[in-house]
Amino acid sequence: MPPLPLPRRPYKSRAIWDETRKPGASKMSYVRAVLYELQPTRLSDIDIPATMLSIRQNASILYNTVSEVTQIVYEFVKHLDRREWTMIGAFGIWLYVVRFAHRVLDAGPM
């Protein structure tokens, strides 16, 4: 006799997290959402050697990329003069003022 199929869960990830955002959500809804996201993966379906090789290759690419980008940014910042720093600061202040105005006027997402 073949095994019975597992019952389908009535919630999907989005619906479960929406339950936690409701006012007065229970602690159980948070537990349910976290446990849903931590569902086990069948290790028999994973090709371990290929996965480890992929992780090593991606880590190497990430390390090299971050190293190069860090050097480029450092060289760029090192050569900025006072006028350019003033422009960067003015842009930051302008961005803060716009975000503040949006929040105060409830003007929608920013």
Foldseek 3Di string as FASTA:
>chain_A
DDDDDDDDDPDDLVVLVVQVPDPPRDVVSVVVNVVVVVDDDPPVVDPVVVVVVVVVVVVVVVVVVVVVVVVVVVVVVVPDDPVVVVVVVVVVVVVVVVVVVCVVVVVDDD
